[in-house]
């Protein structure tokens, strides 16, 4: 018999079922984002690859013990590739290959301008380097100590001037912007300096300097 107050044939009013519990696994209530559930931050760690391409100016001069000199200069294209890995976050060591090439450079011999020559010249080097990133700005400082060489060829590819392997450096100061989890694009200023002995005449010492503005792509 129903309790007093209920019409015959009717029971007490029904109540909605309790809310379902959330399914096990990586599911959270709407609007709730657990700490650490977002994408991981961009980090400079692990494998490192940097490619650069740019342009600027290169100057090479050679002089012997008697003061006779040759000066070669002109606009140049700079290319480089660095491969390495992080030893600590933001600190990376690498091996580096870099080249500055000149097409039809201006030549001066004994102080007299010879005009633009129908030739090509290049200053290149390879060696170990290190780069450090300042965070959160993603600005970096990079330095390489390189084994350097200079060569100037005529229009037929025959060497006019050629050096032994000397010593030099490459210094970069740059800024990058992340475009994905691992890739960054950036710009940098480059300085290259070198000193090398002539291959045929050891009384001649060649010195080279190059300044370039670079565009870079880095995987890290």
C-alpha atoms as a PDB file:
ATOM      1  CA  UNK A   1       0.000   0.000   0.000  1.00  0.00           C
ATOM      2  CA  UNK A   2       1.541   3.377  -0.985  1.00  0.00           C
ATOM      3  CA  UNK A   3       2.337   5.815   1.747  1.00  0.00           C
ATOM      4  CA  UNK A   4      -0.283   8.346   2.601  1.00  0.00           C
ATOM      5  CA  UNK A   5      -0.441  11.241   0.193  1.00  0.00           C
ATOM      6  CA  UNK A   6       0.285   9.242  -2.990  1.00  0.00           C
ATOM      7  CA  UNK A   7      -2.441   8.454  -5.455  1.00  0.00           C
ATOM      8  CA  UNK A   8      -3.311   4.767  -5.845  1.00  0.00           C
ATOM      9  CA  UNK A   9      -1.038   3.086  -8.396  1.00  0.00           C
ATOM     10  CA  UNK A  10       1.771   5.639  -8.103  1.00  0.00           C
ATOM     11  CA  UNK A  11       4.974   5.384  -6.072  1.00  0.00           C
ATOM     12  CA  UNK A  12       7.288   8.096  -4.807  1.00  0.00           C
ATOM     13  CA  UNK A  13       8.772  10.485  -7.385  1.00  0.00           C
ATOM     14  CA  UNK A  14      11.913   9.180  -9.200  1.00  0.00           C
ATOM     15  CA  UNK A  15      15.292  10.938  -9.006  1.00  0.00           C
ATOM     16  CA  UNK A  16      17.887  11.278 -11.821  1.00  0.00           C
ATOM     17  CA  UNK A  17      20.781   8.826 -11.664  1.00  0.00           C
ATOM     18  CA  UNK A  18      24.067  10.060 -10.146  1.00  0.00           C
ATOM     19  CA  UNK A  19      26.604  11.571 -12.620  1.00  0.00           C
ATOM     20  CA  UNK A  20      28.821   9.080 -14.395  1.00  0.00           C
ATOM     21  CA  UNK A  21      32.404   8.896 -13.261  1.00  0.00           C
ATOM     22  CA  UNK A  22      34.998   9.902 -15.827  1.00  0.00           C
ATOM     23  CA  UNK A  23      36.464   7.060 -17.814  1.00  0.00           C
ATOM     24  CA  UNK A  24      39.899   5.912 -16.752  1.00  0.00           C
ATOM     25  CA  UNK A  25      42.847   7.174 -18.797  1.00  0.00           C
ATOM     26  CA  UNK A  26      43.916  10.628 -19.971  1.00  0.00           C
ATOM     27  CA  UNK A  27      40.499  12.228 -19.688  1.00  0.00           C
ATOM     28  CA  UNK A  28      39.762  15.294 -17.605  1.00  0.00           C
ATOM     29  CA  UNK A  29      36.653  17.342 -16.814  1.00  0.00           C
ATOM     30  CA  UNK A  30      35.760  19.989 -19.402  1.00  0.00           C
ATOM     31  CA  UNK A  31      37.832  23.140 -19.020  1.00  0.00           C
ATOM     32  CA  UNK A  32      40.540  21.435 -16.980  1.00  0.00           C
ATOM     33  CA  UNK A  33      44.103  21.234 -18.349  1.00  0.00           C
ATOM     34  CA  UNK A  34      46.559  19.388 -16.138  1.00  0.00           C
ATOM     35  CA  UNK A  35      50.014  20.843 -15.578  1.00  0.00           C
ATOM     36  CA  UNK A  36      52.438  19.551 -18.228  1.00  0.00           C
ATOM     37  CA  UNK A  37      49.724  18.355 -20.622  1.00  0.00           C
ATOM     38  CA  UNK A  38      50.511  21.042 -23.238  1.00  0.00           C
ATOM     39  CA  UNK A  39      53.173  20.775 -25.947  1.00  0.00           C
ATOM     40  CA  UNK A  40      56.746  20.524 -24.627  1.00  0.00           C
ATOM     41  CA  UNK A  41      58.820  23.707 -24.734  1.00  0.00           C
ATOM     42  CA  UNK A  42      61.429  24.353 -27.429  1.00  0.00           C
ATOM     43  CA  UNK A  43      64.814  23.300 -26.112  1.00  0.00           C
ATOM     44  CA  UNK A  44      68.377  23.382 -27.386  1.00  0.00           C
ATOM     45  CA  UNK A  45      69.353  19.801 -26.673  1.00  0.00           C
ATOM     46  CA  UNK A  46      70.226  16.618 -28.544  1.00  0.00           C
ATOM     47  CA  UNK A  47      71.321  16.540 -32.193  1.00  0.00           C
ATOM     48  CA  UNK A  48      72.342  19.862 -33.784  1.00  0.00           C
ATOM     49  CA  UNK A  49      72.382  20.863 -37.463  1.00  0.00           C
ATOM     50  CA  UNK A  50      72.895  24.426 -38.682  1.00  0.00           C
ATOM     51  CA  UNK A  51      72.898  25.528 -42.311  1.00  0.00           C
ATOM     52  CA  UNK A  52      73.692  29.072 -43.367  1.00  0.00           C
ATOM     53  CA  UNK A  53      73.774  31.053 -46.599  1.00  0.00           C
ATOM     54  CA  UNK A  54      74.474  34.731 -47.023  1.00  0.00           C
ATOM     55  CA  UNK A  55      76.581  37.417 -48.592  1.00  0.00           C
ATOM     56  CA  UNK A  56      79.038  40.151 -47.781  1.00  0.00           C
ATOM     57  CA  UNK A  57      82.602  41.137 -48.613  1.00  0.00           C
ATOM     58  CA  UNK A  58      85.944  39.341 -48.492  1.00  0.00           C
ATOM     59  CA  UNK A  59      89.444  40.815 -48.542  1.00  0.00           C
ATOM     60  CA  UNK A  60      92.639  38.782 -49.035  1.00  0.00           C
ATOM     61  CA  UNK A  61      96.167  40.160 -49.130  1.00  0.00           C
ATOM     62  CA  UNK A  62      99.595  38.612 -49.472  1.00  0.00           C
ATOM     63  CA  UNK A  63     103.030  40.147 -48.995  1.00  0.00           C
ATOM     64  CA  UNK A  64     106.571  38.810 -49.114  1.00  0.00           C
ATOM     65  CA  UNK A  65     109.694  39.740 -47.175  1.00  0.00           C
ATOM     66  CA  UNK A  66     110.444  42.571 -49.626  1.00  0.00           C
ATOM     67  CA  UNK A  67     107.071  44.263 -49.129  1.00  0.00           C
ATOM     68  CA  UNK A  68     105.645  43.299 -52.495  1.00  0.00           C
ATOM     69  CA  UNK A  69     101.931  42.744 -52.075  1.00  0.00           C
ATOM     70  CA  UNK A  70      98.827  41.462 -53.800  1.00  0.00           C
ATOM     71  CA  UNK A  71      95.350  42.476 -52.671  1.00  0.00           C
ATOM     72  CA  UNK A  72      92.179  40.669 -53.725  1.00  0.00           C
ATOM     73  CA  UNK A  73      88.726  41.838 -52.673  1.00  0.00           C
ATOM     74  CA  UNK A  74      85.093  41.845 -53.668  1.00  0.00           C
ATOM     75  CA  UNK A  75      81.583  40.781 -52.873  1.00  0.00           C
ATOM     76  CA  UNK A  76      81.312  37.213 -51.673  1.00  0.00           C
ATOM     77  CA  UNK A  77      78.842  34.446 -50.952  1.00  0.00           C
ATOM     78  CA  UNK A  78      79.093  32.600 -47.638  1.00  0.00           C
ATOM     79  CA  UNK A  79      77.977  29.012 -47.087  1.00  0.00           C
ATOM     80  CA  UNK A  80      78.371  26.748 -44.078  1.00  0.00           C
ATOM     81  CA  UNK A  81      77.193  23.587 -42.365  1.00  0.00           C
ATOM     82  CA  UNK A  82      77.673  22.632 -38.708  1.00  0.00           C
ATOM     83  CA  UNK A  83      76.918  19.204 -37.171  1.00  0.00           C
ATOM     84  CA  UNK A  84      77.083  18.324 -33.504  1.00  0.00           C
ATOM     85  CA  UNK A  85      75.137  17.890 -30.304  1.00  0.00           C
ATOM     86  CA  UNK A  86      74.328  19.495 -26.957  1.00  0.00           C
ATOM     87  CA  UNK A  87      76.554  18.757 -23.968  1.00  0.00           C
ATOM     88  CA  UNK A  88      74.257  20.678 -21.612  1.00  0.00           C
ATOM     89  CA  UNK A  89      71.033  22.593 -22.343  1.00  0.00           C
ATOM     90  CA  UNK A  90      71.845  25.563 -24.620  1.00  0.00           C
ATOM     91  CA  UNK A  91      75.562  24.629 -24.935  1.00  0.00           C
ATOM     92  CA  UNK A  92      76.459  22.767 -28.124  1.00  0.00           C
ATOM     93  CA  UNK A  93      79.705  21.535 -29.671  1.00  0.00           C
ATOM     94  CA  UNK A  94      80.000  20.792 -33.383  1.00  0.00           C
ATOM     95  CA  UNK A  95      82.192  20.286 -36.408  1.00  0.00           C
ATOM     96  CA  UNK A  96      81.963  23.109 -38.930  1.00  0.00           C
ATOM     97  CA  UNK A  97      82.678  23.633 -42.641  1.00  0.00           C
ATOM     98  CA  UNK A  98      82.433  27.190 -43.992  1.00  0.00           C
ATOM     99  CA  UNK A  99      83.413  28.903 -47.256  1.00  0.00           C
ATOM    100  CA  UNK A 100      83.403  32.461 -48.618  1.00  0.00           C
ATOM    101  CA  UNK A 101      83.589  32.592 -52.408  1.00  0.00           C
ATOM    102  CA  UNK A 102      84.352  35.560 -54.666  1.00  0.00           C
ATOM    103  CA  UNK A 103      83.507  35.879 -58.360  1.00  0.00           C
ATOM    104  CA  UNK A 104      85.531  38.283 -60.542  1.00  0.00           C
ATOM    105  CA  UNK A 105      87.288  39.984 -57.609  1.00  0.00           C
ATOM    106  CA  UNK A 106      89.202  43.264 -57.811  1.00  0.00           C
ATOM    107  CA  UNK A 107      92.993  42.788 -57.807  1.00  0.00           C
ATOM    108  CA  UNK A 108      95.761  45.189 -56.826  1.00  0.00           C
ATOM    109  CA  UNK A 109      99.427  44.265 -57.394  1.00  0.00           C
ATOM    110  CA  UNK A 110     102.256  46.312 -55.852  1.00  0.00           C
ATOM    111  CA  UNK A 111      99.821  49.109 -55.050  1.00  0.00           C
ATOM    112  CA  UNK A 112      98.525  49.403 -58.611  1.00  0.00           C
ATOM    113  CA  UNK A 113      94.937  48.457 -59.327  1.00  0.00           C
ATOM    114  CA  UNK A 114      94.598  45.762 -61.962  1.00  0.00           C
ATOM    115  CA  UNK A 115      90.799  46.006 -62.124  1.00  0.00           C
ATOM    116  CA  UNK A 116      88.338  43.143 -61.960  1.00  0.00           C
ATOM    117  CA  UNK A 117      89.802  39.832 -63.019  1.00  0.00           C
ATOM    118  CA  UNK A 118      88.060  37.052 -64.906  1.00  0.00           C
ATOM    119  CA  UNK A 119      88.770  34.668 -62.057  1.00  0.00           C
ATOM    120  CA  UNK A 120      87.329  33.260 -58.857  1.00  0.00           C
ATOM    121  CA  UNK A 121      88.651  32.980 -55.329  1.00  0.00           C
ATOM    122  CA  UNK A 122      87.611  31.306 -52.109  1.00  0.00           C
ATOM    123  CA  UNK A 123      88.557  31.238 -48.443  1.00  0.00           C
ATOM    124  CA  UNK A 124      87.379  28.186 -46.534  1.00  0.00           C
ATOM    125  CA  UNK A 125      87.924  26.317 -43.334  1.00  0.00           C
ATOM    126  CA  UNK A 126      86.801  23.456 -41.141  1.00  0.00           C
ATOM    127  CA  UNK A 127      87.212  22.650 -37.482  1.00  0.00           C
ATOM    128  CA  UNK A 128      85.579  22.311 -34.075  1.00  0.00           C
ATOM    129  CA  UNK A 129      83.247  24.921 -32.699  1.00  0.00           C
ATOM    130  CA  UNK A 130      80.916  25.764 -29.859  1.00  0.00           C
ATOM    131  CA  UNK A 131      77.645  27.709 -29.661  1.00  0.00           C
ATOM    132  CA  UNK A 132      75.761  29.004 -26.645  1.00  0.00           C
ATOM    133  CA  UNK A 133      72.128  30.187 -26.663  1.00  0.00           C
ATOM    134  CA  UNK A 134      70.841  32.924 -24.366  1.00  0.00           C
ATOM    135  CA  UNK A 135      67.291  32.082 -23.350  1.00  0.00           C
ATOM    136  CA  UNK A 136      64.490  33.072 -23.492  1.00  0.00           C
ATOM    137  CA  UNK A 137      65.728  35.383 -26.284  1.00  0.00           C
ATOM    138  CA  UNK A 138      67.090  32.584 -28.520  1.00  0.00           C
ATOM    139  CA  UNK A 139      70.170  34.702 -29.250  1.00  0.00           C
ATOM    140  CA  UNK A 140      73.383  32.778 -29.809  1.00  0.00           C
ATOM    141  CA  UNK A 141      77.152  33.226 -29.915  1.00  0.00           C
ATOM    142  CA  UNK A 142      79.120  30.777 -32.030  1.00  0.00           C
ATOM    143  CA  UNK A 143      82.864  30.348 -32.517  1.00  0.00           C
ATOM    144  CA  UNK A 144      84.961  27.954 -34.615  1.00  0.00           C
ATOM    145  CA  UNK A 145      88.737  27.444 -34.679  1.00  0.00           C
ATOM    146  CA  UNK A 146      89.478  26.331 -38.214  1.00  0.00           C
ATOM    147  CA  UNK A 147      92.115  24.965 -40.529  1.00  0.00           C
ATOM    148  CA  UNK A 148      91.972  27.538 -43.346  1.00  0.00           C
ATOM    149  CA  UNK A 149      93.011  27.700 -46.997  1.00  0.00           C
ATOM    150  CA  UNK A 150      92.859  30.286 -49.793  1.00  0.00           C
ATOM    151  CA  UNK A 151      92.894  29.741 -53.546  1.00  0.00           C
ATOM    152  CA  UNK A 152      92.434  31.942 -56.589  1.00  0.00           C
ATOM    153  CA  UNK A 153      91.840  30.336 -59.998  1.00  0.00           C
ATOM    154  CA  UNK A 154      91.786  31.717 -63.520  1.00  0.00           C
ATOM    155  CA  UNK A 155      88.859  31.348 -65.919  1.00  0.00           C
ATOM    156  CA  UNK A 156      90.016  27.826 -66.797  1.00  0.00           C
ATOM    157  CA  UNK A 157      90.189  26.690 -63.175  1.00  0.00           C
ATOM    158  CA  UNK A 158      93.998  26.793 -63.022  1.00  0.00           C
ATOM    159  CA  UNK A 159      95.392  28.077 -59.696  1.00  0.00           C
ATOM    160  CA  UNK A 160      96.941  31.539 -59.756  1.00  0.00           C
ATOM    161  CA  UNK A 161      97.519  31.826 -56.009  1.00  0.00           C
ATOM    162  CA  UNK A 162      97.263  28.981 -53.530  1.00  0.00           C
ATOM    163  CA  UNK A 163      98.129  28.596 -49.859  1.00  0.00           C
ATOM    164  CA  UNK A 164      99.032  25.883 -47.467  1.00  0.00           C
ATOM    165  CA  UNK A 165      96.603  25.086 -44.680  1.00  0.00           C
ATOM    166  CA  UNK A 166      96.763  27.850 -42.104  1.00  0.00           C
ATOM    167  CA  UNK A 167      94.772  28.813 -39.048  1.00  0.00           C
ATOM    168  CA  UNK A 168      91.745  31.011 -38.629  1.00  0.00           C
ATOM    169  CA  UNK A 169      88.376  31.462 -37.001  1.00  0.00           C
ATOM    170  CA  UNK A 170      84.715  32.040 -37.670  1.00  0.00           C
ATOM    171  CA  UNK A 171      82.571  34.054 -35.244  1.00  0.00           C
ATOM    172  CA  UNK A 172      78.773  34.314 -35.476  1.00  0.00           C
ATOM    173  CA  UNK A 173      76.289  36.365 -33.478  1.00  0.00           C
ATOM    174  CA  UNK A 174      72.709  35.548 -34.358  1.00  0.00           C
ATOM    175  CA  UNK A 175      69.063  35.411 -33.461  1.00  0.00           C
ATOM    176  CA  UNK A 176      66.617  32.584 -34.268  1.00  0.00           C
ATOM    177  CA  UNK A 177      62.846  32.146 -34.192  1.00  0.00           C
ATOM    178  CA  UNK A 178      61.249  28.746 -33.633  1.00  0.00           C
ATOM    179  CA  UNK A 179      59.019  27.642 -36.519  1.00  0.00           C
ATOM    180  CA  UNK A 180      58.359  24.104 -35.195  1.00  0.00           C
ATOM    181  CA  UNK A 181      59.270  21.940 -32.229  1.00  0.00           C
ATOM    182  CA  UNK A 182      62.810  21.358 -33.584  1.00  0.00           C
ATOM    183  CA  UNK A 183      63.433  23.860 -36.413  1.00  0.00           C
ATOM    184  CA  UNK A 184      64.445  27.486 -36.076  1.00  0.00           C
ATOM    185  CA  UNK A 185      65.073  30.156 -38.723  1.00  0.00           C
ATOM    186  CA  UNK A 186      67.317  33.108 -38.079  1.00  0.00           C
ATOM    187  CA  UNK A 187      69.772  35.800 -39.102  1.00  0.00           C
ATOM    188  CA  UNK A 188      73.377  36.295 -38.049  1.00  0.00           C
ATOM    189  CA  UNK A 189      76.458  38.412 -38.581  1.00  0.00           C
ATOM    190  CA  UNK A 190      79.609  36.520 -39.546  1.00  0.00           C
ATOM    191  CA  UNK A 191      83.303  37.370 -39.217  1.00  0.00           C
ATOM    192  CA  UNK A 192      86.022  35.146 -40.702  1.00  0.00           C
ATOM    193  CA  UNK A 193      89.740  35.725 -40.244  1.00  0.00           C
ATOM    194  CA  UNK A 194      92.728  33.652 -41.355  1.00  0.00           C
ATOM    195  CA  UNK A 195      96.509  33.638 -41.811  1.00  0.00           C
ATOM    196  CA  UNK A 196      98.163  31.238 -44.288  1.00  0.00           C
ATOM    197  CA  UNK A 197     101.540  30.639 -45.949  1.00  0.00           C
ATOM    198  CA  UNK A 198     101.812  30.605 -49.743  1.00  0.00           C
ATOM    199  CA  UNK A 199     102.056  27.093 -51.150  1.00  0.00           C
ATOM    200  CA  UNK A 200     104.967  27.884 -53.510  1.00  0.00           C
ATOM    201  CA  UNK A 201     106.793  30.686 -51.685  1.00  0.00           C
ATOM    202  CA  UNK A 202     106.936  30.433 -47.905  1.00  0.00           C
ATOM    203  CA  UNK A 203     108.176  34.031 -47.657  1.00  0.00           C
ATOM    204  CA  UNK A 204     104.654  35.135 -48.584  1.00  0.00           C
ATOM    205  CA  UNK A 205     101.997  35.219 -45.892  1.00  0.00           C
ATOM    206  CA  UNK A 206      98.365  35.613 -46.886  1.00  0.00           C
ATOM    207  CA  UNK A 207      95.757  37.108 -44.575  1.00  0.00           C
ATOM    208  CA  UNK A 208      92.012  37.019 -45.141  1.00  0.00           C
ATOM    209  CA  UNK A 209      88.980  38.673 -43.582  1.00  0.00           C
ATOM    210  CA  UNK A 210      85.321  38.333 -44.473  1.00  0.00           C
ATOM    211  CA  UNK A 211      82.144  39.942 -43.149  1.00  0.00           C
ATOM    212  CA  UNK A 212      78.731  38.565 -44.106  1.00  0.00           C
ATOM    213  CA  UNK A 213      75.053  38.755 -43.248  1.00  0.00           C
ATOM    214  CA  UNK A 214      73.635  35.257 -43.013  1.00  0.00           C
ATOM    215  CA  UNK A 215      70.290  33.520 -43.067  1.00  0.00           C
ATOM    216  CA  UNK A 216      70.232  30.249 -41.151  1.00  0.00           C
ATOM    217  CA  UNK A 217      68.116  27.153 -40.630  1.00  0.00           C
ATOM    218  CA  UNK A 218      68.809  25.121 -37.492  1.00  0.00           C
ATOM    219  CA  UNK A 219      67.541  21.744 -36.347  1.00  0.00           C
ATOM    220  CA  UNK A 220      67.968  21.091 -32.648  1.00  0.00           C
END
